[in-house]
């Protein structure tokens, strides 16, 4: 049996929500919409960046695609400020040491690999699947199914790891197991569909992952 872990990036391995929220709030403000950062964070965690910008578009009249392009310009200025979530590197190392394969499936685009390279973890991943591949967005599991097919991964021993309900639904749609990363203070609520919930990337948490522990 060989485990495969397919990782979300933002909020799961990358401590990037501060940068994402700031960029989203600035994008909205330039369009005449002033939103509270905490409210924006909840929207992003419970739904998605696109859902938030779509809402802004409805309120200000600016096309969502225009807002998204501006968001990308703003966020590109601050990608070098994104750190790893504590314990993320150790999690990747420990699981790789147990023989597991790592992959990424993220809504993030062309900035994904440069960020992972800067943080020194790109080499852990056999492939990094981004929005540039053109797969249907989460909760569709299309991008995950691509990885399963290309690498012959066994769904019984494959996990999708993310920090949102959207990620859980994505993994379930692809027919694999799901791990919800739910740190203290997260606005996300567990739904009971998760196969495993972890609060941190501690050694104890990694031990559960390495044994495919499906208990909550």
N, C-alpha and C. Protein backbone atom coordinates (compact mmCIF):
# COMPACT_ATOMS: atom_id res chain seq x y z
N UNK A 1 0.84 -1.18 0.00
CA UNK A 1 0.00 0.00 0.00
C UNK A 1 0.88 1.24 0.00
N UNK A 2 0.60 2.16 -0.91
CA UNK A 2 1.37 3.41 -0.98
C UNK A 2 0.40 4.57 -1.00
N UNK A 3 0.57 5.47 -0.04
CA UNK A 3 -0.33 6.61 0.07
C UNK A 3 0.08 7.73 -0.88
N UNK A 4 -0.93 8.45 -1.36
CA UNK A 4 -0.71 9.65 -2.16
C UNK A 4 -1.49 10.79 -1.50
N UNK A 5 -0.84 11.92 -1.34
CA UNK A 5 -1.48 13.10 -0.76
C UNK A 5 -1.50 14.21 -1.81
N UNK A 6 -2.70 14.65 -2.13
CA UNK A 6 -2.90 15.74 -3.08
C UNK A 6 -3.29 16.96 -2.26
N UNK A 7 -2.48 17.98 -2.32
CA UNK A 7 -2.59 19.12 -1.41
C UNK A 7 -3.20 20.35 -2.08
N UNK A 8 -4.10 21.00 -1.37
CA UNK A 8 -4.46 22.38 -1.64
C UNK A 8 -3.28 23.24 -1.17
N UNK A 9 -3.20 24.47 -1.61
CA UNK A 9 -2.09 25.32 -1.18
C UNK A 9 -2.50 26.37 -0.15
N UNK A 10 -3.34 27.32 -0.57
CA UNK A 10 -3.65 28.47 0.29
C UNK A 10 -4.45 28.04 1.52
N UNK A 11 -3.89 28.34 2.69
CA UNK A 11 -4.54 27.99 3.93
C UNK A 11 -4.29 26.57 4.38
N UNK A 12 -3.60 25.79 3.55
CA UNK A 12 -3.30 24.40 3.89
C UNK A 12 -1.80 24.21 4.09
N UNK A 13 -1.02 24.56 3.09
CA UNK A 13 0.44 24.58 3.20
C UNK A 13 0.97 26.00 3.29
N UNK A 14 0.30 26.92 2.60
CA UNK A 14 0.74 28.32 2.57
C UNK A 14 -0.08 29.17 3.53
N UNK A 15 0.60 29.93 4.36
CA UNK A 15 -0.08 30.85 5.29
C UNK A 15 -0.33 32.16 4.53
N UNK A 16 -1.27 32.09 3.60
CA UNK A 16 -1.41 33.15 2.60
C UNK A 16 -2.67 33.98 2.72
N UNK A 17 -3.54 33.67 3.67
CA UNK A 17 -4.82 34.38 3.69
C UNK A 17 -4.68 35.86 4.02
N UNK A 18 -3.68 36.22 4.80
CA UNK A 18 -3.49 37.65 5.08
C UNK A 18 -3.24 38.41 3.79
N UNK A 19 -2.39 37.87 2.93
CA UNK A 19 -2.09 38.50 1.65
C UNK A 19 -3.30 38.46 0.72
N UNK A 20 -3.99 37.33 0.68
CA UNK A 20 -5.16 37.19 -0.19
C UNK A 20 -6.26 38.16 0.20
N UNK A 21 -6.55 38.22 1.51
CA UNK A 21 -7.61 39.11 1.99
C UNK A 21 -7.26 40.56 1.71
N UNK A 22 -6.01 40.96 1.99
CA UNK A 22 -5.60 42.34 1.74
C UNK A 22 -5.73 42.70 0.27
N UNK A 23 -5.35 41.78 -0.60
CA UNK A 23 -5.44 42.03 -2.04
C UNK A 23 -6.90 42.11 -2.49
N UNK A 24 -7.74 41.25 -1.93
CA UNK A 24 -9.16 41.25 -2.30
C UNK A 24 -9.85 42.52 -1.81
N UNK A 25 -9.53 42.93 -0.59
CA UNK A 25 -10.12 44.15 -0.03
C UNK A 25 -9.69 45.37 -0.85
N UNK A 26 -8.42 45.41 -1.24
CA UNK A 26 -7.92 46.53 -2.05
C UNK A 26 -8.59 46.55 -3.43
N UNK A 27 -8.77 45.37 -4.02
CA UNK A 27 -9.45 45.28 -5.31
C UNK A 27 -10.86 45.82 -5.22
N UNK A 28 -11.57 45.41 -4.17
CA UNK A 28 -12.95 45.87 -3.97
C UNK A 28 -12.99 47.38 -3.72
N UNK A 29 -12.04 47.88 -2.92
CA UNK A 29 -12.02 49.31 -2.60
C UNK A 29 -11.81 50.15 -3.84
N UNK A 30 -10.94 49.69 -4.73
CA UNK A 30 -10.70 50.42 -5.98
C UNK A 30 -11.96 50.49 -6.84
N UNK A 31 -12.85 49.50 -6.63
CA UNK A 31 -14.11 49.48 -7.38
C UNK A 31 -15.23 50.18 -6.62
N UNK A 32 -14.87 50.79 -5.48
CA UNK A 32 -15.85 51.54 -4.71
C UNK A 32 -16.57 50.76 -3.64
N UNK A 33 -16.11 49.54 -3.35
CA UNK A 33 -16.75 48.69 -2.34
C UNK A 33 -15.80 48.54 -1.16
N UNK A 34 -16.26 48.90 0.02
CA UNK A 34 -15.42 48.80 1.22
C UNK A 34 -15.98 47.71 2.14
N UNK A 35 -15.23 46.64 2.27
CA UNK A 35 -15.65 45.50 3.08
C UNK A 35 -14.68 45.27 4.22
N UNK A 36 -15.20 44.77 5.32
CA UNK A 36 -14.40 44.42 6.49
C UNK A 36 -13.54 43.18 6.19
N UNK A 37 -12.29 43.20 6.63
CA UNK A 37 -11.38 42.09 6.33
C UNK A 37 -11.86 40.77 6.91
N UNK A 38 -12.43 40.79 8.11
CA UNK A 38 -12.91 39.55 8.72
C UNK A 38 -14.06 38.96 7.91
N UNK A 39 -14.94 39.83 7.41
CA UNK A 39 -16.06 39.36 6.60
C UNK A 39 -15.56 38.76 5.29
N UNK A 40 -14.54 39.39 4.72
CA UNK A 40 -13.97 38.87 3.47
C UNK A 40 -13.31 37.52 3.72
N UNK A 41 -12.59 37.39 4.82
CA UNK A 41 -11.95 36.11 5.15
C UNK A 41 -12.99 35.00 5.26
N UNK A 42 -14.08 35.28 5.94
CA UNK A 42 -15.14 34.26 6.08
C UNK A 42 -15.67 33.85 4.71
N UNK A 43 -15.87 34.83 3.84
CA UNK A 43 -16.37 34.54 2.49
C UNK A 43 -15.38 33.66 1.73
N UNK A 44 -14.11 33.99 1.84
CA UNK A 44 -13.09 33.23 1.12
C UNK A 44 -12.99 31.81 1.63
N UNK A 45 -13.05 31.64 2.95
CA UNK A 45 -12.90 30.31 3.54
C UNK A 45 -14.14 29.45 3.33
N UNK A 46 -15.30 30.08 3.42
CA UNK A 46 -16.55 29.33 3.29
C UNK A 46 -16.95 29.10 1.84
N UNK A 47 -16.48 29.99 0.94
CA UNK A 47 -16.79 29.83 -0.48
C UNK A 47 -15.48 29.89 -1.28
N UNK A 48 -15.20 31.03 -1.91
CA UNK A 48 -13.98 31.14 -2.70
C UNK A 48 -13.73 32.60 -3.05
N UNK A 49 -12.51 32.87 -3.52
CA UNK A 49 -12.18 34.22 -3.97
C UNK A 49 -13.08 34.64 -5.13
N UNK A 50 -13.29 33.73 -6.06
CA UNK A 50 -14.15 34.06 -7.21
C UNK A 50 -15.56 34.42 -6.76
N UNK A 51 -16.07 33.68 -5.77
CA UNK A 51 -17.42 33.97 -5.25
C UNK A 51 -17.46 35.37 -4.64
N UNK A 52 -16.40 35.74 -3.92
CA UNK A 52 -16.36 37.08 -3.32
C UNK A 52 -16.32 38.15 -4.40
N UNK A 53 -15.45 37.99 -5.40
CA UNK A 53 -15.34 38.99 -6.46
C UNK A 53 -16.61 39.05 -7.31
N UNK A 54 -17.28 37.92 -7.44
CA UNK A 54 -18.57 37.93 -8.14
C UNK A 54 -19.59 38.78 -7.38
N UNK A 55 -19.56 38.66 -6.05
CA UNK A 55 -20.45 39.46 -5.21
C UNK A 55 -20.11 40.95 -5.33
N UNK A 56 -18.81 41.26 -5.33
CA UNK A 56 -18.38 42.65 -5.50
C UNK A 56 -18.86 43.17 -6.86
N UNK A 57 -18.73 42.35 -7.89
CA UNK A 57 -19.16 42.74 -9.23
C UNK A 57 -20.64 43.11 -9.26
N UNK A 58 -21.45 42.33 -8.58
CA UNK A 58 -22.89 42.61 -8.55
C UNK A 58 -23.18 43.94 -7.85
N UNK A 59 -22.34 44.27 -6.87
CA UNK A 59 -22.58 45.49 -6.10
C UNK A 59 -22.05 46.74 -6.78
N UNK A 60 -20.99 46.59 -7.57
CA UNK A 60 -20.38 47.79 -8.16
C UNK A 60 -20.57 47.92 -9.66
N UNK A 61 -20.93 46.82 -10.31
CA UNK A 61 -21.15 46.87 -11.75
C UNK A 61 -19.93 46.59 -12.60
N UNK A 62 -18.77 46.45 -11.97
CA UNK A 62 -17.55 46.11 -12.72
C UNK A 62 -17.56 44.62 -13.05
N UNK A 63 -17.26 44.23 -14.28
CA UNK A 63 -17.26 42.80 -14.62
C UNK A 63 -16.33 42.00 -13.70
N UNK A 64 -16.77 40.81 -13.34
CA UNK A 64 -15.99 39.97 -12.43
C UNK A 64 -14.61 39.67 -13.00
N UNK A 65 -14.51 39.43 -14.30
CA UNK A 65 -13.22 39.13 -14.92
C UNK A 65 -12.26 40.31 -14.78
N UNK A 66 -12.77 41.52 -14.87
CA UNK A 66 -11.94 42.72 -14.69
C UNK A 66 -11.42 42.79 -13.26
N UNK A 67 -12.29 42.49 -12.31
CA UNK A 67 -11.88 42.48 -10.90
C UNK A 67 -10.84 41.41 -10.65
N UNK A 68 -11.04 40.25 -11.25
CA UNK A 68 -10.10 39.14 -11.05
C UNK A 68 -8.72 39.48 -11.61
N UNK A 69 -8.70 40.11 -12.77
CA UNK A 69 -7.41 40.51 -13.36
C UNK A 69 -6.70 41.52 -12.47
N UNK A 70 -7.45 42.47 -11.93
CA UNK A 70 -6.85 43.47 -11.04
C UNK A 70 -6.37 42.82 -9.76
N UNK A 71 -7.15 41.88 -9.23
CA UNK A 71 -6.72 41.16 -8.02
C UNK A 71 -5.38 40.47 -8.27
N UNK A 72 -5.24 39.83 -9.41
CA UNK A 72 -4.00 39.12 -9.71
C UNK A 72 -2.82 40.07 -9.78
N UNK A 73 -3.04 41.26 -10.34
CA UNK A 73 -1.98 42.27 -10.40
C UNK A 73 -1.56 42.68 -8.99
N UNK A 74 -2.54 42.92 -8.14
CA UNK A 74 -2.24 43.36 -6.77
C UNK A 74 -1.57 42.25 -5.97
N UNK A 75 -2.11 41.05 -6.04
CA UNK A 75 -1.57 39.95 -5.24
C UNK A 75 -0.17 39.55 -5.70
N UNK A 76 0.11 39.74 -6.99
CA UNK A 76 1.44 39.40 -7.51
C UNK A 76 2.53 40.23 -6.83
N UNK A 77 2.17 41.42 -6.37
CA UNK A 77 3.14 42.31 -5.72
C UNK A 77 3.56 41.79 -4.34
N UNK A 78 2.76 40.88 -3.77
CA UNK A 78 3.00 40.48 -2.38
C UNK A 78 3.22 38.98 -2.20
N UNK A 79 3.40 38.24 -3.29
CA UNK A 79 3.59 36.79 -3.15
C UNK A 79 4.86 36.45 -2.38
N UNK A 80 5.84 37.35 -2.40
CA UNK A 80 7.08 37.07 -1.66
C UNK A 80 6.91 37.22 -0.16
N UNK A 81 5.72 37.64 0.28
CA UNK A 81 5.44 37.77 1.71
C UNK A 81 4.75 36.53 2.28
N UNK A 82 4.47 35.56 1.43
CA UNK A 82 3.72 34.37 1.87
C UNK A 82 4.67 33.34 2.48
N UNK A 83 4.46 32.97 3.76
CA UNK A 83 5.28 31.94 4.39
C UNK A 83 4.55 30.59 4.40
N UNK A 84 5.25 29.57 4.83
CA UNK A 84 4.63 28.27 5.06
C UNK A 84 3.85 28.28 6.37
N UNK A 85 2.82 27.49 6.43
CA UNK A 85 2.14 27.25 7.70
C UNK A 85 3.08 26.44 8.59
N UNK A 86 3.18 26.77 9.87
CA UNK A 86 4.07 26.03 10.76
C UNK A 86 3.84 24.52 10.69
N UNK A 87 4.94 23.79 10.52
CA UNK A 87 4.87 22.33 10.47
C UNK A 87 4.63 21.76 9.09
N UNK A 88 4.34 22.60 8.10
CA UNK A 88 4.02 22.09 6.76
C UNK A 88 5.20 21.36 6.13
N UNK A 89 6.38 21.96 6.21
CA UNK A 89 7.56 21.31 5.62
C UNK A 89 7.83 19.96 6.29
N UNK A 90 7.72 19.94 7.62
CA UNK A 90 7.96 18.70 8.35
C UNK A 90 6.93 17.64 7.97
N UNK A 91 5.70 18.07 7.74
CA UNK A 91 4.66 17.12 7.32
C UNK A 91 5.02 16.47 5.99
N UNK A 92 5.44 17.29 5.04
CA UNK A 92 5.83 16.76 3.73
C UNK A 92 7.02 15.82 3.85
N UNK A 93 8.00 16.20 4.66
CA UNK A 93 9.20 15.39 4.84
C UNK A 93 8.87 14.04 5.48
N UNK A 94 8.09 14.08 6.55
CA UNK A 94 7.77 12.84 7.28
C UNK A 94 6.97 11.88 6.40
N UNK A 95 6.00 12.41 5.69
CA UNK A 95 5.17 11.55 4.85
C UNK A 95 5.97 10.99 3.68
N UNK A 96 6.84 11.81 3.08
CA UNK A 96 7.70 11.32 2.00
C UNK A 96 8.63 10.24 2.53
N UNK A 97 9.10 10.42 3.77
CA UNK A 97 9.96 9.44 4.39
C UNK A 97 9.27 8.10 4.62
N UNK A 98 7.95 8.14 4.69
CA UNK A 98 7.15 6.91 4.84
C UNK A 98 6.79 6.31 3.49
N UNK A 99 7.28 6.94 2.41
CA UNK A 99 7.05 6.41 1.07
C UNK A 99 5.89 7.02 0.32
N UNK A 100 5.25 8.03 0.90
CA UNK A 100 4.09 8.65 0.25
C UNK A 100 4.52 9.55 -0.91
N UNK A 101 3.62 9.67 -1.88
CA UNK A 101 3.80 10.62 -2.98
C UNK A 101 3.00 11.88 -2.69
N UNK A 102 3.55 13.02 -3.12
CA UNK A 102 2.86 14.30 -2.94
C UNK A 102 2.54 14.94 -4.29
N UNK A 103 1.36 15.56 -4.35
CA UNK A 103 0.92 16.32 -5.52
C UNK A 103 0.23 17.58 -5.02
N UNK A 104 0.02 18.53 -5.92
CA UNK A 104 -0.75 19.73 -5.60
C UNK A 104 -1.89 19.85 -6.60
N UNK A 105 -3.07 20.18 -6.09
CA UNK A 105 -4.17 20.63 -6.95
C UNK A 105 -4.74 21.90 -6.32
N UNK A 106 -4.56 23.02 -6.99
CA UNK A 106 -4.90 24.32 -6.42
C UNK A 106 -5.61 25.20 -7.44
N UNK A 107 -6.44 26.11 -6.94
CA UNK A 107 -7.04 27.14 -7.79
C UNK A 107 -6.04 28.25 -8.09
N UNK A 108 -4.93 28.30 -7.34
CA UNK A 108 -3.90 29.31 -7.61
C UNK A 108 -3.32 29.05 -8.99
N UNK A 109 -2.85 30.11 -9.64
CA UNK A 109 -2.36 29.99 -11.01
C UNK A 109 -0.86 29.90 -11.13
N UNK A 110 -0.29 30.74 -12.00
CA UNK A 110 1.12 30.64 -12.37
C UNK A 110 2.08 30.97 -11.23
N UNK A 111 1.58 31.57 -10.16
CA UNK A 111 2.45 31.89 -9.03
C UNK A 111 2.77 30.68 -8.17
N UNK A 112 2.07 29.56 -8.39
CA UNK A 112 2.19 28.40 -7.50
C UNK A 112 3.61 27.86 -7.41
N UNK A 113 4.19 27.48 -8.54
CA UNK A 113 5.52 26.88 -8.51
C UNK A 113 6.59 27.85 -8.03
N UNK A 114 6.58 29.13 -8.46
CA UNK A 114 7.58 30.06 -7.92
C UNK A 114 7.51 30.20 -6.40
N UNK A 115 6.31 30.21 -5.84
CA UNK A 115 6.18 30.31 -4.38
C UNK A 115 6.74 29.06 -3.72
N UNK A 116 6.38 27.89 -4.24
CA UNK A 116 6.87 26.64 -3.66
C UNK A 116 8.39 26.53 -3.80
N UNK A 117 8.92 27.01 -4.91
CA UNK A 117 10.38 26.99 -5.11
C UNK A 117 11.07 27.92 -4.11
N UNK A 118 10.53 29.12 -3.94
CA UNK A 118 11.11 30.08 -2.99
C UNK A 118 11.11 29.52 -1.57
N UNK A 119 10.06 28.79 -1.23
CA UNK A 119 9.93 28.23 0.12
C UNK A 119 10.69 26.92 0.28
N UNK A 120 11.28 26.43 -0.80
CA UNK A 120 12.12 25.24 -0.73
C UNK A 120 11.39 23.92 -0.65
N UNK A 121 10.13 23.87 -1.13
CA UNK A 121 9.38 22.61 -1.03
C UNK A 121 8.88 22.10 -2.39
N UNK A 122 9.22 22.78 -3.47
CA UNK A 122 8.72 22.36 -4.78
C UNK A 122 9.13 20.92 -5.10
N UNK A 123 10.33 20.53 -4.70
CA UNK A 123 10.84 19.21 -5.06
C UNK A 123 10.07 18.06 -4.41
N UNK A 124 9.25 18.35 -3.43
CA UNK A 124 8.45 17.29 -2.80
C UNK A 124 7.34 16.78 -3.72
N UNK A 125 6.93 17.57 -4.70
CA UNK A 125 5.72 17.28 -5.46
C UNK A 125 6.03 16.69 -6.84
N UNK A 126 5.35 15.60 -7.16
CA UNK A 126 5.53 14.99 -8.48
C UNK A 126 4.90 15.85 -9.57
N UNK A 127 3.82 16.54 -9.24
CA UNK A 127 3.20 17.46 -10.20
C UNK A 127 2.40 18.51 -9.43
N UNK A 128 2.40 19.72 -9.95
CA UNK A 128 1.64 20.83 -9.37
C UNK A 128 0.58 21.25 -10.38
N UNK A 129 -0.66 20.90 -10.10
CA UNK A 129 -1.78 21.20 -11.00
C UNK A 129 -2.42 22.51 -10.55
N UNK A 130 -2.44 23.49 -11.45
CA UNK A 130 -2.94 24.83 -11.12
C UNK A 130 -4.17 25.16 -11.98
N UNK A 131 -4.69 26.36 -11.77
CA UNK A 131 -5.84 26.80 -12.56
C UNK A 131 -5.51 26.90 -14.04
N UNK A 132 -4.21 27.00 -14.36
CA UNK A 132 -3.81 27.12 -15.76
C UNK A 132 -4.06 25.84 -16.56
N UNK A 133 -4.30 24.72 -15.87
CA UNK A 133 -4.62 23.48 -16.57
C UNK A 133 -6.02 23.52 -17.18
N UNK A 134 -6.86 24.40 -16.66
CA UNK A 134 -8.19 24.56 -17.23
C UNK A 134 -9.24 23.58 -16.77
N UNK A 135 -8.99 22.87 -15.68
CA UNK A 135 -10.00 21.95 -15.16
C UNK A 135 -11.15 22.71 -14.53
N UNK A 136 -12.31 22.07 -14.47
CA UNK A 136 -13.46 22.67 -13.79
C UNK A 136 -13.07 22.98 -12.36
N UNK A 137 -13.47 24.14 -11.83
CA UNK A 137 -13.07 24.50 -10.47
C UNK A 137 -13.72 23.62 -9.41
N UNK A 138 -13.12 23.59 -8.24
CA UNK A 138 -13.73 22.90 -7.11
C UNK A 138 -15.12 23.49 -6.87
N UNK A 139 -16.09 22.68 -6.47
CA UNK A 139 -15.96 21.34 -5.89
C UNK A 139 -15.82 20.19 -6.88
N UNK A 140 -15.73 20.48 -8.17
CA UNK A 140 -15.47 19.41 -9.13
C UNK A 140 -14.14 18.74 -8.79
N UNK A 141 -14.09 17.44 -8.93
CA UNK A 141 -12.86 16.70 -8.68
C UNK A 141 -12.10 16.39 -9.96
N UNK A 142 -12.38 17.13 -11.03
CA UNK A 142 -11.77 16.84 -12.33
C UNK A 142 -10.25 16.87 -12.27
N UNK A 143 -9.69 17.88 -11.60
CA UNK A 143 -8.24 17.98 -11.51
C UNK A 143 -7.63 16.84 -10.72
N UNK A 144 -8.33 16.40 -9.69
CA UNK A 144 -7.86 15.26 -8.90
C UNK A 144 -7.93 13.98 -9.73
N UNK A 145 -9.01 13.80 -10.46
CA UNK A 145 -9.14 12.60 -11.30
C UNK A 145 -8.04 12.53 -12.36
N UNK A 146 -7.62 13.69 -12.85
CA UNK A 146 -6.49 13.73 -13.78
C UNK A 146 -5.25 13.11 -13.16
N UNK A 147 -4.97 13.48 -11.92
CA UNK A 147 -3.79 12.95 -11.23
C UNK A 147 -3.94 11.45 -10.97
N UNK A 148 -5.12 11.02 -10.56
CA UNK A 148 -5.36 9.60 -10.32
C UNK A 148 -5.07 8.79 -11.58
N UNK A 149 -5.57 9.29 -12.71
CA UNK A 149 -5.40 8.56 -13.97
C UNK A 149 -3.96 8.60 -14.46
N UNK A 150 -3.33 9.76 -14.39
CA UNK A 150 -1.98 9.90 -14.95
C UNK A 150 -0.96 9.06 -14.18
N UNK A 151 -1.11 9.01 -12.86
CA UNK A 151 -0.10 8.33 -12.04
C UNK A 151 -0.57 6.98 -11.51
N UNK A 152 -1.75 6.54 -11.93
CA UNK A 152 -2.25 5.24 -11.50
C UNK A 152 -2.44 5.14 -10.00
N UNK A 153 -2.91 6.22 -9.39
CA UNK A 153 -3.07 6.25 -7.93
C UNK A 153 -4.30 5.44 -7.52
N UNK A 154 -4.19 4.73 -6.42
CA UNK A 154 -5.29 3.95 -5.88
C UNK A 154 -6.18 4.86 -5.05
N UNK A 155 -7.44 5.05 -5.43
CA UNK A 155 -8.33 5.95 -4.67
C UNK A 155 -8.46 5.57 -3.20
N UNK A 156 -8.30 4.29 -2.88
CA UNK A 156 -8.44 3.85 -1.49
C UNK A 156 -7.34 4.41 -0.60
N UNK A 157 -6.20 4.72 -1.21
CA UNK A 157 -5.05 5.20 -0.44
C UNK A 157 -4.62 6.60 -0.86
N UNK A 158 -5.53 7.31 -1.49
CA UNK A 158 -5.26 8.68 -1.94
C UNK A 158 -6.11 9.66 -1.15
N UNK A 159 -5.49 10.77 -0.76
CA UNK A 159 -6.16 11.78 0.06
C UNK A 159 -6.09 13.14 -0.61
N UNK A 160 -7.19 13.88 -0.51
CA UNK A 160 -7.13 15.29 -0.85
C UNK A 160 -7.12 16.06 0.45
N UNK A 161 -6.16 16.98 0.59
CA UNK A 161 -5.93 17.70 1.84
C UNK A 161 -6.20 19.18 1.60
N UNK A 162 -7.16 19.74 2.34
CA UNK A 162 -7.48 21.16 2.18
C UNK A 162 -8.10 21.73 3.43
N UNK A 163 -8.34 23.04 3.40
CA UNK A 163 -8.81 23.74 4.60
C UNK A 163 -10.25 24.23 4.49
N UNK A 164 -10.95 23.84 3.43
CA UNK A 164 -12.31 24.32 3.23
C UNK A 164 -13.26 23.17 2.89
N UNK A 165 -14.54 23.38 3.12
CA UNK A 165 -15.55 22.40 2.72
C UNK A 165 -15.47 22.15 1.23
N UNK A 166 -15.13 23.18 0.45
CA UNK A 166 -14.96 23.06 -0.99
C UNK A 166 -13.93 21.99 -1.33
N UNK A 167 -12.88 21.90 -0.53
CA UNK A 167 -11.84 20.91 -0.76
C UNK A 167 -12.34 19.50 -0.45
N UNK A 168 -13.11 19.39 0.62
CA UNK A 168 -13.69 18.09 0.98
C UNK A 168 -14.59 17.60 -0.15
N UNK A 169 -15.43 18.48 -0.65
CA UNK A 169 -16.35 18.11 -1.73
C UNK A 169 -15.58 17.74 -3.00
N UNK A 170 -14.48 18.42 -3.24
CA UNK A 170 -13.63 18.11 -4.40
C UNK A 170 -13.09 16.69 -4.30
N UNK A 171 -12.53 16.36 -3.14
CA UNK A 171 -12.00 15.01 -2.95
C UNK A 171 -13.07 13.94 -3.07
N UNK A 172 -14.24 14.22 -2.49
CA UNK A 172 -15.33 13.25 -2.55
C UNK A 172 -15.81 13.06 -3.99
N UNK A 173 -15.85 14.16 -4.75
CA UNK A 173 -16.28 14.07 -6.14
C UNK A 173 -15.32 13.21 -6.96
N UNK A 174 -14.04 13.20 -6.55
CA UNK A 174 -13.04 12.39 -7.25
C UNK A 174 -12.99 10.96 -6.72
N UNK A 175 -13.74 10.68 -5.66
CA UNK A 175 -13.79 9.32 -5.14
C UNK A 175 -12.63 8.93 -4.25
N UNK A 176 -11.98 9.94 -3.63
CA UNK A 176 -10.86 9.62 -2.74
C UNK A 176 -11.17 10.09 -1.32
N UNK A 177 -10.27 9.82 -0.41
CA UNK A 177 -10.46 10.20 0.98
C UNK A 177 -10.10 11.68 1.16
N UNK A 178 -10.64 12.26 2.22
CA UNK A 178 -10.46 13.70 2.41
C UNK A 178 -10.00 14.03 3.82
N UNK A 179 -9.08 14.97 3.88
CA UNK A 179 -8.56 15.47 5.15
C UNK A 179 -8.85 16.97 5.21
N UNK A 180 -9.56 17.39 6.24
CA UNK A 180 -9.85 18.80 6.44
C UNK A 180 -8.88 19.36 7.46
N UNK A 181 -8.06 20.32 7.02
CA UNK A 181 -7.16 21.02 7.94
C UNK A 181 -7.96 22.15 8.56
N UNK A 182 -8.19 22.06 9.86
CA UNK A 182 -9.11 22.96 10.55
C UNK A 182 -8.42 23.57 11.77
N UNK A 183 -7.54 24.55 11.57
CA UNK A 183 -6.82 25.15 12.70
C UNK A 183 -7.76 25.95 13.59
N UNK A 184 -7.30 26.19 14.79
CA UNK A 184 -8.10 26.97 15.74
C UNK A 184 -8.43 28.34 15.15
N UNK A 185 -9.68 28.75 15.30
CA UNK A 185 -10.11 30.05 14.81
C UNK A 185 -10.63 30.05 13.39
N UNK A 186 -10.57 28.92 12.70
CA UNK A 186 -11.07 28.86 11.33
C UNK A 186 -12.58 29.06 11.32
N UNK A 187 -13.11 29.85 10.37
CA UNK A 187 -14.56 30.02 10.26
C UNK A 187 -15.25 28.84 9.59
N UNK A 188 -14.48 27.88 9.12
CA UNK A 188 -15.05 26.71 8.44
C UNK A 188 -15.62 25.75 9.48
N UNK A 189 -16.76 25.17 9.18
CA UNK A 189 -17.39 24.19 10.05
C UNK A 189 -17.30 22.81 9.41
N UNK A 190 -16.92 21.82 10.21
CA UNK A 190 -16.91 20.45 9.71
C UNK A 190 -18.33 20.02 9.37
N UNK A 191 -18.47 19.22 8.33
CA UNK A 191 -19.80 18.79 7.88
C UNK A 191 -20.07 17.31 8.14
N UNK A 192 -19.05 16.58 8.56
CA UNK A 192 -19.20 15.15 8.77
C UNK A 192 -18.85 14.33 7.54
N UNK A 193 -18.55 15.00 6.43
CA UNK A 193 -18.16 14.28 5.22
C UNK A 193 -16.67 13.98 5.18
N UNK A 194 -15.91 14.61 6.07
CA UNK A 194 -14.46 14.45 6.09
C UNK A 194 -14.08 13.07 6.62
N UNK A 195 -13.02 12.51 6.07
CA UNK A 195 -12.51 11.24 6.60
C UNK A 195 -11.57 11.47 7.77
N UNK A 196 -10.96 12.64 7.82
CA UNK A 196 -10.03 12.97 8.90
C UNK A 196 -9.99 14.48 9.06
N UNK A 197 -9.96 14.94 10.30
CA UNK A 197 -9.81 16.36 10.60
C UNK A 197 -8.56 16.54 11.45
N UNK A 198 -7.69 17.46 11.04
CA UNK A 198 -6.50 17.76 11.82
C UNK A 198 -6.46 19.25 12.12
N UNK A 199 -5.96 19.58 13.32
CA UNK A 199 -5.91 20.98 13.77
C UNK A 199 -4.56 21.63 13.51
N UNK A 200 -3.54 20.82 13.25
CA UNK A 200 -2.19 21.36 13.04
C UNK A 200 -1.38 20.33 12.28
N UNK A 201 -0.13 20.68 11.98
CA UNK A 201 0.79 19.76 11.32
C UNK A 201 1.84 19.27 12.31
N UNK A 202 1.40 18.91 13.48
CA UNK A 202 2.29 18.39 14.52
C UNK A 202 2.71 16.96 14.18
N UNK A 203 3.70 16.45 14.93
CA UNK A 203 4.16 15.08 14.72
C UNK A 203 3.03 14.08 14.94
N UNK A 204 2.18 14.35 15.92
CA UNK A 204 1.04 13.46 16.19
C UNK A 204 0.08 13.44 15.01
N UNK A 205 -0.16 14.61 14.42
CA UNK A 205 -1.04 14.69 13.25
C UNK A 205 -0.47 13.91 12.07
N UNK A 206 0.83 14.06 11.86
CA UNK A 206 1.47 13.38 10.74
C UNK A 206 1.44 11.87 10.94
N UNK A 207 1.53 11.44 12.18
CA UNK A 207 1.45 10.01 12.48
C UNK A 207 0.10 9.46 12.04
N UNK A 208 -0.97 10.21 12.29
CA UNK A 208 -2.31 9.79 11.86
C UNK A 208 -2.38 9.70 10.33
N UNK A 209 -1.79 10.68 9.66
CA UNK A 209 -1.82 10.68 8.20
C UNK A 209 -1.04 9.51 7.63
N UNK A 210 0.10 9.22 8.22
CA UNK A 210 0.97 8.17 7.68
C UNK A 210 0.37 6.79 7.81
N UNK A 211 -0.62 6.66 8.72
CA UNK A 211 -1.29 5.37 8.90
C UNK A 211 -2.70 5.38 8.31
N UNK A 212 -3.05 6.49 7.63
CA UNK A 212 -4.38 6.56 7.04
C UNK A 212 -5.47 6.50 8.07
N UNK A 213 -5.22 7.10 9.23
CA UNK A 213 -6.18 7.06 10.34
C UNK A 213 -7.43 7.84 9.95
N UNK A 214 -8.55 7.17 9.82
CA UNK A 214 -9.79 7.82 9.42
C UNK A 214 -10.62 8.31 10.57
N UNK A 215 -10.08 8.32 11.79
CA UNK A 215 -10.85 8.80 12.93
C UNK A 215 -10.74 10.31 13.03
N UNK A 216 -11.75 10.96 13.60
CA UNK A 216 -11.73 12.41 13.77
C UNK A 216 -11.08 12.76 15.09
